Amino acid sequence: MAAAVVAALAASTGPGATQAAGETPPVHATTAALRLALGAETTVVLEENISTGYVWRYVDQQGDVGVRIDVVDLGHRRRAGTSANVGAAGLHRWHLRAAAPGRCELRFVYERPWERQPVRMHKLVVDVR
């Protein structure tokens, strides 16, 4: 059974934070670490609220030459046990598989597709042995 990596992000530092008109919003960054055996699989889960226009997007992975983490976007789902009310937050999931040994960093951004800069970034440092 796959383990789940969950990053709960505080709403007060995200899209609802206030700023001066014309000011570029700060990017709130979180980082987590994960160790996987070669061939192991897990799921990354990030909280998102698509009713606000914000969505998580997997950007890329950087690291050791040859290291590879296969990433499959499983999409957005409503939280179990919550109503389907407009504005209710949900979860975005990605399936990961450690395909080659080494160390890398996976990057995810929380953004509105029509805006220039994300409001959040989540980095996952993965060590595959």
N, C-alpha and C. Protein backbone atom coordinates (compact mmCIF):
# COMPACT_ATOMS: atom_id res chain seq x y z
N MET A 1 0.84 -1.18 0.00
CA MET A 1 0.00 0.00 0.00
C MET A 1 0.89 1.24 0.00
N ALA A 2 0.55 2.21 -0.81
CA ALA A 2 1.37 3.41 -0.96
C ALA A 2 1.17 4.35 0.22
N ALA A 3 2.27 4.93 0.65
CA ALA A 3 2.20 5.94 1.70
C ALA A 3 1.80 7.27 1.06
N ALA A 4 1.21 8.14 1.81
CA ALA A 4 0.80 9.44 1.28
C ALA A 4 1.63 10.54 1.92
N VAL A 5 2.05 11.47 1.10
CA VAL A 5 2.77 12.65 1.58
C VAL A 5 1.79 13.80 1.50
N VAL A 6 1.45 14.38 2.64
CA VAL A 6 0.44 15.42 2.68
C VAL A 6 1.08 16.73 3.14
N ALA A 7 0.82 17.78 2.39
CA ALA A 7 1.30 19.11 2.78
C ALA A 7 0.09 19.99 3.03
N ALA A 8 -0.13 20.33 4.28
CA ALA A 8 -1.24 21.22 4.63
C ALA A 8 -0.68 22.64 4.69
N LEU A 9 -1.23 23.51 3.90
CA LEU A 9 -0.74 24.87 3.82
C LEU A 9 -1.72 25.83 4.47
N ALA A 10 -1.22 26.76 5.24
CA ALA A 10 -2.06 27.72 5.95
C ALA A 10 -2.68 28.71 4.98
N ALA A 11 -3.98 28.88 5.08
CA ALA A 11 -4.70 29.80 4.18
C ALA A 11 -4.28 31.24 4.39
N SER A 12 -3.83 31.60 5.58
CA SER A 12 -3.47 32.99 5.85
C SER A 12 -2.26 33.47 5.07
N THR A 13 -1.45 32.56 4.52
CA THR A 13 -0.28 32.96 3.76
C THR A 13 -0.49 32.77 2.26
N GLY A 14 -1.68 32.38 1.87
CA GLY A 14 -1.94 32.08 0.47
C GLY A 14 -2.76 33.14 -0.22
N PRO A 15 -3.64 32.72 -1.11
CA PRO A 15 -4.38 33.63 -1.96
C PRO A 15 -5.21 34.66 -1.22
N GLY A 16 -5.61 34.38 0.02
CA GLY A 16 -6.43 35.34 0.74
C GLY A 16 -5.64 36.46 1.40
N ALA A 17 -4.31 36.37 1.40
CA ALA A 17 -3.49 37.39 2.05
C ALA A 17 -3.64 38.72 1.32
N THR A 18 -3.59 39.80 2.07
CA THR A 18 -3.75 41.13 1.47
C THR A 18 -2.41 41.72 1.11
N GLN A 19 -2.43 42.64 0.11
CA GLN A 19 -1.24 43.35 -0.32
C GLN A 19 -1.65 44.65 -0.96
N ALA A 20 -0.70 45.54 -1.13
CA ALA A 20 -0.97 46.83 -1.75
C ALA A 20 -1.24 46.65 -3.24
N ALA A 21 -2.05 47.54 -3.80
CA ALA A 21 -2.37 47.47 -5.23
C ALA A 21 -1.09 47.55 -6.05
N GLY A 22 -0.98 46.68 -7.05
CA GLY A 22 0.17 46.67 -7.94
C GLY A 22 1.39 45.95 -7.37
N GLU A 23 1.33 45.55 -6.12
CA GLU A 23 2.45 44.86 -5.49
C GLU A 23 2.42 43.38 -5.86
N THR A 24 3.57 42.81 -6.16
CA THR A 24 3.66 41.39 -6.47
C THR A 24 3.50 40.60 -5.18
N PRO A 25 2.58 39.64 -5.17
CA PRO A 25 2.38 38.88 -3.94
C PRO A 25 3.60 38.01 -3.64
N PRO A 26 3.90 37.80 -2.36
CA PRO A 26 5.02 36.93 -2.02
C PRO A 26 4.66 35.48 -2.34
N VAL A 27 5.65 34.69 -2.65
CA VAL A 27 5.44 33.27 -2.89
C VAL A 27 5.75 32.55 -1.59
N HIS A 28 4.75 31.89 -1.03
CA HIS A 28 4.91 31.12 0.19
C HIS A 28 5.46 29.75 -0.22
N ALA A 29 6.64 29.39 0.28
CA ALA A 29 7.26 28.12 -0.10
C ALA A 29 7.32 27.16 1.08
N THR A 30 7.03 25.91 0.81
CA THR A 30 7.18 24.86 1.80
C THR A 30 8.08 23.79 1.20
N THR A 31 8.78 23.08 2.06
CA THR A 31 9.67 22.01 1.60
C THR A 31 9.47 20.79 2.49
N ALA A 32 9.45 19.63 1.86
CA ALA A 32 9.35 18.37 2.59
C ALA A 32 10.39 17.41 2.01
N ALA A 33 10.76 16.41 2.80
CA ALA A 33 11.74 15.42 2.35
C ALA A 33 11.10 14.03 2.38
N LEU A 34 11.56 13.20 1.48
CA LEU A 34 11.01 11.85 1.35
C LEU A 34 12.11 10.91 0.92
N ARG A 35 12.17 9.74 1.54
CA ARG A 35 13.14 8.71 1.14
C ARG A 35 12.35 7.53 0.58
N LEU A 36 12.73 7.08 -0.63
CA LEU A 36 12.05 5.95 -1.27
C LEU A 36 13.06 4.90 -1.71
N ALA A 37 12.65 3.65 -1.66
CA ALA A 37 13.46 2.57 -2.23
C ALA A 37 13.22 2.57 -3.74
N LEU A 38 14.20 2.12 -4.49
CA LEU A 38 14.06 2.03 -5.93
C LEU A 38 12.82 1.20 -6.27
N GLY A 39 11.94 1.73 -7.11
CA GLY A 39 10.71 1.06 -7.51
C GLY A 39 9.52 1.33 -6.60
N ALA A 40 9.76 1.97 -5.46
CA ALA A 40 8.67 2.26 -4.52
C ALA A 40 7.74 3.32 -5.09
N GLU A 41 6.51 3.31 -4.61
CA GLU A 41 5.48 4.25 -5.06
C GLU A 41 4.87 4.95 -3.86
N THR A 42 4.40 6.18 -4.08
CA THR A 42 3.73 6.95 -3.04
C THR A 42 2.82 7.96 -3.71
N THR A 43 2.08 8.70 -2.92
CA THR A 43 1.17 9.72 -3.43
C THR A 43 1.46 11.04 -2.72
N VAL A 44 1.56 12.11 -3.49
CA VAL A 44 1.70 13.46 -2.95
C VAL A 44 0.30 14.08 -2.98
N VAL A 45 -0.09 14.69 -1.86
CA VAL A 45 -1.42 15.29 -1.74
C VAL A 45 -1.26 16.72 -1.25
N LEU A 46 -1.80 17.68 -2.03
CA LEU A 46 -1.74 19.09 -1.65
C LEU A 46 -3.15 19.66 -1.63
N GLU A 47 -3.46 20.44 -0.61
CA GLU A 47 -4.78 21.04 -0.48
C GLU A 47 -4.93 22.17 -1.49
N GLU A 48 -6.07 22.19 -2.19
CA GLU A 48 -6.35 23.27 -3.14
C GLU A 48 -7.83 23.62 -3.12
N ASN A 49 -8.13 24.84 -3.55
CA ASN A 49 -9.51 25.28 -3.63
C ASN A 49 -9.74 25.80 -5.04
N ILE A 50 -10.20 24.93 -5.92
CA ILE A 50 -10.34 25.30 -7.33
C ILE A 50 -11.44 26.32 -7.57
N SER A 51 -12.37 26.48 -6.61
CA SER A 51 -13.44 27.46 -6.80
C SER A 51 -12.90 28.89 -6.78
N THR A 52 -11.69 29.09 -6.28
CA THR A 52 -11.06 30.42 -6.26
C THR A 52 -10.23 30.67 -7.51
N GLY A 53 -10.10 29.63 -8.35
CA GLY A 53 -9.27 29.75 -9.55
C GLY A 53 -7.86 29.25 -9.34
N TYR A 54 -7.48 29.00 -8.09
CA TYR A 54 -6.13 28.50 -7.79
C TYR A 54 -6.08 26.99 -7.95
N VAL A 55 -5.03 26.53 -8.62
CA VAL A 55 -4.81 25.09 -8.81
C VAL A 55 -3.33 24.79 -8.63
N TRP A 56 -3.04 23.57 -8.19
CA TRP A 56 -1.66 23.11 -8.09
C TRP A 56 -1.23 22.56 -9.45
N ARG A 57 0.01 22.84 -9.81
CA ARG A 57 0.58 22.33 -11.06
C ARG A 57 1.99 21.81 -10.77
N TYR A 58 2.27 20.59 -11.24
CA TYR A 58 3.61 20.03 -11.13
C TYR A 58 4.47 20.74 -12.17
N VAL A 59 5.63 21.26 -11.76
CA VAL A 59 6.48 22.04 -12.65
C VAL A 59 7.58 21.18 -13.24
N ASP A 60 8.46 20.65 -12.40
CA ASP A 60 9.59 19.87 -12.90
C ASP A 60 10.32 19.19 -11.76
N GLN A 61 11.38 18.46 -12.15
CA GLN A 61 12.27 17.88 -11.15
C GLN A 61 13.70 18.19 -11.55
N GLN A 62 14.50 18.48 -10.54
CA GLN A 62 15.90 18.80 -10.76
C GLN A 62 16.71 18.01 -9.76
N GLY A 63 17.89 17.57 -10.18
CA GLY A 63 18.73 16.83 -9.23
C GLY A 63 19.84 16.08 -9.91
N ASP A 64 20.25 14.98 -9.26
CA ASP A 64 21.35 14.17 -9.76
C ASP A 64 21.10 13.72 -11.19
N VAL A 65 22.17 13.59 -11.95
CA VAL A 65 22.06 13.09 -13.32
C VAL A 65 21.57 11.65 -13.27
N GLY A 66 20.56 11.35 -14.03
CA GLY A 66 20.04 9.99 -14.11
C GLY A 66 18.92 9.67 -13.16
N VAL A 67 18.77 10.43 -12.07
CA VAL A 67 17.67 10.16 -11.15
C VAL A 67 16.36 10.45 -11.85
N ARG A 68 15.36 9.62 -11.59
CA ARG A 68 14.06 9.86 -12.23
C ARG A 68 12.93 9.41 -11.32
N ILE A 69 12.00 10.32 -11.14
CA ILE A 69 10.76 10.03 -10.43
C ILE A 69 9.65 10.16 -11.46
N ASP A 70 8.93 9.08 -11.71
CA ASP A 70 7.79 9.17 -12.62
C ASP A 70 6.63 9.81 -11.86
N VAL A 71 6.04 10.85 -12.45
CA VAL A 71 4.96 11.61 -11.80
C VAL A 71 3.71 11.54 -12.67
N VAL A 72 2.61 11.08 -12.08
CA VAL A 72 1.33 11.00 -12.79
C VAL A 72 0.33 11.87 -12.03
N ASP A 73 -0.27 12.85 -12.72
CA ASP A 73 -1.25 13.74 -12.12
C ASP A 73 -2.58 13.01 -11.99
N LEU A 74 -3.05 12.84 -10.75
CA LEU A 74 -4.33 12.17 -10.49
C LEU A 74 -5.48 13.15 -10.37
N GLY A 75 -5.17 14.46 -10.39
CA GLY A 75 -6.21 15.48 -10.39
C GLY A 75 -6.75 15.85 -9.03
N HIS A 76 -7.82 16.64 -9.07
CA HIS A 76 -8.46 17.21 -7.88
C HIS A 76 -9.61 16.31 -7.43
N ARG A 77 -9.74 16.19 -6.12
CA ARG A 77 -10.88 15.48 -5.52
C ARG A 77 -11.37 16.25 -4.32
N ARG A 78 -12.66 16.18 -4.11
CA ARG A 78 -13.26 16.76 -2.91
C ARG A 78 -12.79 15.96 -1.70
N ARG A 79 -12.61 16.63 -0.58
CA ARG A 79 -12.22 15.93 0.66
C ARG A 79 -13.32 14.94 1.06
N ALA A 80 -12.92 13.78 1.50
CA ALA A 80 -13.88 12.79 1.97
C ALA A 80 -14.66 13.35 3.15
N GLY A 81 -15.96 13.15 3.13
CA GLY A 81 -16.80 13.60 4.23
C GLY A 81 -17.20 15.06 4.17
N THR A 82 -16.81 15.79 3.12
CA THR A 82 -17.22 17.19 3.00
C THR A 82 -18.32 17.31 1.96
N SER A 83 -19.04 18.39 2.06
CA SER A 83 -20.13 18.63 1.12
C SER A 83 -19.57 19.13 -0.21
N ALA A 84 -20.41 19.12 -1.21
CA ALA A 84 -20.02 19.60 -2.54
C ALA A 84 -20.31 21.09 -2.67
N ASN A 85 -20.37 21.81 -1.54
CA ASN A 85 -20.68 23.23 -1.57
C ASN A 85 -19.64 24.01 -2.37
N VAL A 86 -20.11 25.04 -3.05
CA VAL A 86 -19.20 25.92 -3.77
C VAL A 86 -18.26 26.55 -2.75
N GLY A 87 -16.99 26.58 -3.06
CA GLY A 87 -16.00 27.16 -2.18
C GLY A 87 -15.33 26.17 -1.25
N ALA A 88 -15.82 24.94 -1.23
CA ALA A 88 -15.20 23.94 -0.35
C ALA A 88 -13.84 23.52 -0.92
N ALA A 89 -12.85 23.44 -0.06
CA ALA A 89 -11.51 23.03 -0.49
C ALA A 89 -11.48 21.55 -0.79
N GLY A 90 -10.51 21.16 -1.58
CA GLY A 90 -10.32 19.76 -1.93
C GLY A 90 -8.84 19.43 -1.91
N LEU A 91 -8.49 18.31 -2.53
CA LEU A 91 -7.12 17.83 -2.53
C LEU A 91 -6.69 17.51 -3.96
N HIS A 92 -5.45 17.85 -4.29
CA HIS A 92 -4.87 17.49 -5.58
C HIS A 92 -3.83 16.40 -5.31
N ARG A 93 -3.84 15.35 -6.15
CA ARG A 93 -2.96 14.21 -5.92
C ARG A 93 -2.08 13.93 -7.13
N TRP A 94 -0.86 13.46 -6.84
CA TRP A 94 0.06 12.96 -7.86
C TRP A 94 0.61 11.63 -7.38
N HIS A 95 0.70 10.68 -8.29
CA HIS A 95 1.29 9.37 -8.00
C HIS A 95 2.77 9.43 -8.39
N LEU A 96 3.66 9.01 -7.48
CA LEU A 96 5.09 9.01 -7.74
C LEU A 96 5.62 7.59 -7.73
N ARG A 97 6.58 7.33 -8.62
CA ARG A 97 7.29 6.05 -8.63
C ARG A 97 8.77 6.33 -8.78
N ALA A 98 9.58 5.77 -7.88
CA ALA A 98 11.03 5.95 -7.90
C ALA A 98 11.61 5.05 -8.99
N ALA A 99 11.93 5.63 -10.15
CA ALA A 99 12.35 4.86 -11.32
C ALA A 99 13.86 4.71 -11.47
N ALA A 100 14.64 5.62 -10.86
CA ALA A 100 16.10 5.54 -10.93
C ALA A 100 16.68 6.16 -9.66
N PRO A 101 17.80 5.62 -9.16
CA PRO A 101 18.36 6.09 -7.89
C PRO A 101 19.00 7.47 -7.98
N GLY A 102 19.04 8.15 -6.83
CA GLY A 102 19.65 9.47 -6.73
C GLY A 102 18.80 10.38 -5.87
N ARG A 103 19.13 11.66 -5.93
CA ARG A 103 18.41 12.67 -5.14
C ARG A 103 17.90 13.74 -6.08
N CYS A 104 16.64 14.14 -5.91
CA CYS A 104 16.09 15.20 -6.75
C CYS A 104 15.07 16.01 -5.96
N GLU A 105 14.67 17.11 -6.57
CA GLU A 105 13.67 18.00 -5.98
C GLU A 105 12.52 18.13 -6.97
N LEU A 106 11.32 17.79 -6.53
CA LEU A 106 10.12 17.97 -7.34
C LEU A 106 9.52 19.31 -6.94
N ARG A 107 9.06 20.08 -7.92
CA ARG A 107 8.49 21.39 -7.62
C ARG A 107 7.05 21.46 -8.11
N PHE A 108 6.18 21.99 -7.23
CA PHE A 108 4.77 22.19 -7.52
C PHE A 108 4.45 23.66 -7.23
N VAL A 109 3.60 24.28 -8.05
CA VAL A 109 3.21 25.66 -7.82
C VAL A 109 1.69 25.76 -7.73
N TYR A 110 1.23 26.68 -6.87
CA TYR A 110 -0.19 26.95 -6.67
C TYR A 110 -0.46 28.30 -7.30
N GLU A 111 -1.28 28.31 -8.32
CA GLU A 111 -1.44 29.53 -9.12
C GLU A 111 -2.79 29.59 -9.79
N ARG A 112 -3.11 30.78 -10.23
CA ARG A 112 -4.21 30.97 -11.17
C ARG A 112 -3.56 30.99 -12.54
N PRO A 113 -4.00 30.15 -13.47
CA PRO A 113 -3.33 30.04 -14.76
C PRO A 113 -3.18 31.36 -15.51
N TRP A 114 -4.04 32.32 -15.28
CA TRP A 114 -3.97 33.58 -16.01
C TRP A 114 -3.07 34.63 -15.33
N GLU A 115 -2.56 34.32 -14.14
CA GLU A 115 -1.67 35.25 -13.46
C GLU A 115 -0.21 34.87 -13.70
N ARG A 116 0.67 35.86 -13.59
CA ARG A 116 2.09 35.65 -13.90
C ARG A 116 2.87 34.87 -12.87
N GLN A 117 2.53 35.04 -11.61
CA GLN A 117 3.34 34.45 -10.54
C GLN A 117 2.49 33.59 -9.63
N PRO A 118 3.00 32.42 -9.26
CA PRO A 118 2.26 31.60 -8.29
C PRO A 118 2.28 32.25 -6.91
N VAL A 119 1.33 31.85 -6.05
CA VAL A 119 1.29 32.37 -4.69
C VAL A 119 1.94 31.40 -3.71
N ARG A 120 2.09 30.15 -4.13
CA ARG A 120 2.72 29.14 -3.28
C ARG A 120 3.60 28.24 -4.14
N MET A 121 4.61 27.67 -3.49
CA MET A 121 5.44 26.67 -4.13
C MET A 121 5.68 25.58 -3.09
N HIS A 122 5.60 24.34 -3.53
CA HIS A 122 5.91 23.22 -2.64
C HIS A 122 7.03 22.43 -3.28
N LYS A 123 8.12 22.24 -2.53
CA LYS A 123 9.27 21.48 -2.99
C LYS A 123 9.32 20.18 -2.21
N LEU A 124 9.52 19.09 -2.94
CA LEU A 124 9.63 17.78 -2.31
C LEU A 124 10.99 17.22 -2.68
N VAL A 125 11.87 17.11 -1.70
CA VAL A 125 13.20 16.56 -1.91
C VAL A 125 13.10 15.05 -1.74
N VAL A 126 13.41 14.31 -2.82
CA VAL A 126 13.26 12.85 -2.82
C VAL A 126 14.63 12.20 -2.93
N ASP A 127 14.90 11.28 -2.01
CA ASP A 127 16.14 10.52 -2.01
C ASP A 127 15.77 9.07 -2.34
N VAL A 128 16.23 8.59 -3.50
CA VAL A 128 15.91 7.22 -3.93
C VAL A 128 17.16 6.35 -3.77
N ARG A 129 17.04 5.28 -3.02
CA ARG A 129 18.17 4.35 -2.79
C ARG A 129 17.79 2.93 -3.10
